[in-house]
Amino acid sequence: MPKNQPLTPDFLEEEVTIRGITYHLRELSIGEYDDLVTKATKKIVNPITGEDVETIDNSVLLKMMVLKCSFDPKITAEALASFPMRVVLKLNTTVNKMHYGDEPESKKPETADTDEETPKGNA
């Protein structure tokens, strides 16, 4: 009977080369992501109802995700603010795919060949 595959704590890592610089990015844990969502959430007044509502500033969230994901080189807020727009868009796209894309399907491990012969039918 096949054993269930254990869940692994492995995080996706991506490298993307933009204008000659290779950036290494690591997938966030759900705890790290939740913390950034909390930081990107603000209260605003609904102009129609006058009620206070919470809203996530997705632009701020994505910038914080890029900063948190980068590790080699580590991107600072000051550096990110000075990057050309298309460089930031490529980093944003990579981080979005890492966190909001489908989980890649993995193939089942192939069984090892054994010395036993395959039974032959009546031929």
Protein backbone atom coordinates (compact mmCIF):
# COMPACT_ATOMS: atom_id res chain seq x y z
CA MET A 1 0.00 0.00 0.00
CA PRO A 2 1.51 3.39 -0.97
CA LYS A 3 2.32 5.79 1.82
CA ASN A 4 0.91 9.30 1.80
CA GLN A 5 3.42 11.94 0.79
CA PRO A 6 4.30 14.15 3.77
CA LEU A 7 3.60 17.85 3.62
CA THR A 8 6.85 19.73 3.28
CA PRO A 9 7.76 23.14 4.63
CA ASP A 10 9.59 23.95 1.42
CA PHE A 11 9.01 27.42 0.05
CA LEU A 12 9.15 28.33 -3.60
CA GLU A 13 12.15 30.34 -4.61
CA GLU A 14 12.31 32.25 -7.86
CA GLU A 15 15.12 34.07 -9.52
CA VAL A 16 14.48 36.73 -12.08
CA THR A 17 17.12 38.63 -14.02
CA ILE A 18 16.17 42.19 -14.84
CA ARG A 19 18.55 44.52 -16.66
CA GLY A 20 21.53 42.34 -15.77
CA ILE A 21 20.76 41.95 -12.06
CA THR A 22 19.48 38.63 -10.74
CA TYR A 23 16.99 38.95 -7.88
CA HIS A 24 16.19 35.99 -5.64
CA LEU A 25 12.72 35.88 -4.13
CA ARG A 26 11.23 33.49 -1.55
CA GLU A 27 7.57 32.61 -1.11
CA LEU A 28 6.03 34.05 2.06
CA SER A 29 4.57 31.94 4.83
CA ILE A 30 0.88 32.47 5.49
CA GLY A 31 1.81 34.17 8.78
CA GLU A 32 4.09 36.63 6.99
CA TYR A 33 1.39 37.26 4.38
CA ASP A 34 -1.31 37.83 7.03
CA ASP A 35 0.95 40.29 8.84
CA LEU A 36 1.46 42.29 5.63
CA VAL A 37 -2.29 42.28 4.89
CA THR A 38 -2.91 43.69 8.37
CA LYS A 39 -0.32 46.42 7.77
CA ALA A 40 -1.86 47.28 4.37
CA THR A 41 -5.38 47.50 5.80
CA LYS A 42 -6.78 50.89 6.67
CA LYS A 43 -10.09 52.28 7.82
CA ILE A 44 -11.95 54.65 5.57
CA VAL A 45 -15.33 56.27 5.72
CA ASN A 46 -17.81 54.97 3.17
CA PRO A 47 -18.94 58.16 1.38
CA ILE A 48 -22.44 56.80 0.83
CA THR A 49 -23.26 55.29 4.22
CA GLY A 50 -20.85 57.24 6.41
CA GLU A 51 -19.79 53.98 8.06
CA ASP A 52 -16.18 53.14 8.87
CA VAL A 53 -15.01 50.22 6.71
CA GLU A 54 -11.71 48.42 6.40
CA THR A 55 -10.03 48.22 3.02
CA ILE A 56 -6.78 46.68 1.85
CA ASP A 57 -4.48 48.93 -0.13
CA ASN A 58 -3.34 46.32 -2.66
CA SER A 59 -0.63 48.57 -4.06
CA VAL A 60 0.97 48.91 -0.64
CA LEU A 61 0.47 45.18 0.03
CA LEU A 62 2.30 44.20 -3.16
CA LYS A 63 5.20 46.57 -2.45
CA MET A 64 5.56 45.10 1.05
CA MET A 65 5.41 41.58 -0.39
CA VAL A 66 8.24 42.35 -2.83
CA LEU A 67 10.34 43.77 0.02
CA LYS A 68 9.65 40.79 2.28
CA CYS A 69 10.25 38.20 -0.49
CA SER A 70 13.58 39.57 -1.70
CA PHE A 71 16.70 38.10 -0.14
CA ASP A 72 19.61 38.28 -2.61
CA PRO A 73 20.05 41.14 -3.06
CA LYS A 74 17.77 42.33 -0.25
CA ILE A 75 15.62 45.13 -1.65
CA THR A 76 14.95 48.06 0.68
CA ALA A 77 11.98 50.41 0.51
CA GLU A 78 14.29 53.21 -0.57
CA ALA A 79 15.80 51.11 -3.36
CA LEU A 80 12.39 49.93 -4.58
CA ALA A 81 11.15 53.52 -4.73
CA SER A 82 14.08 54.44 -6.98
CA PHE A 83 13.75 51.49 -9.42
CA PRO A 84 12.44 52.14 -12.93
CA MET A 85 8.75 51.35 -13.34
CA ARG A 86 9.26 48.34 -15.65
CA VAL A 87 11.71 46.76 -13.20
CA VAL A 88 9.15 47.06 -10.41
CA LEU A 89 6.43 45.65 -12.68
CA LYS A 90 8.57 42.56 -13.39
CA LEU A 91 9.22 42.05 -9.67
CA ASN A 92 5.50 42.53 -8.94
CA THR A 93 4.54 40.00 -11.61
CA THR A 94 6.97 37.43 -10.24
CA VAL A 95 5.75 37.88 -6.65
CA ASN A 96 2.11 37.70 -7.78
CA LYS A 97 2.69 34.41 -9.62
CA MET A 98 4.50 32.97 -6.60
CA HIS A 99 1.63 33.72 -4.22
CA TYR A 100 -1.54 33.75 -6.25
CA GLY A 101 -0.79 31.22 -8.99
CA ASP A 102 -1.77 27.57 -8.94
CA GLU A 103 0.42 25.15 -7.05
CA PRO A 104 2.50 23.24 -9.59
CA GLU A 105 1.42 19.63 -9.81
CA SER A 106 4.14 17.19 -8.95
CA LYS A 107 4.52 13.82 -10.50
CA LYS A 108 4.17 10.73 -8.37
CA PRO A 109 7.55 9.26 -7.57
CA GLU A 110 8.37 6.41 -9.89
CA THR A 111 8.65 3.03 -8.26
CA ALA A 112 12.09 1.51 -8.21
CA ASP A 113 12.75 -1.35 -10.59
CA THR A 114 12.86 -4.68 -8.88
CA ASP A 115 14.61 -7.85 -9.85
CA GLU A 116 11.27 -9.66 -10.09
CA GLU A 117 10.09 -10.48 -13.56
CA THR A 118 6.76 -9.16 -14.74
CA PRO A 119 4.27 -12.04 -14.92
CA LYS A 120 3.55 -13.06 -18.47
CA GLY A 121 0.12 -14.01 -19.68
CA ASN A 122 -0.83 -17.18 -21.54
CA ALA A 123 0.59 -16.61 -24.95
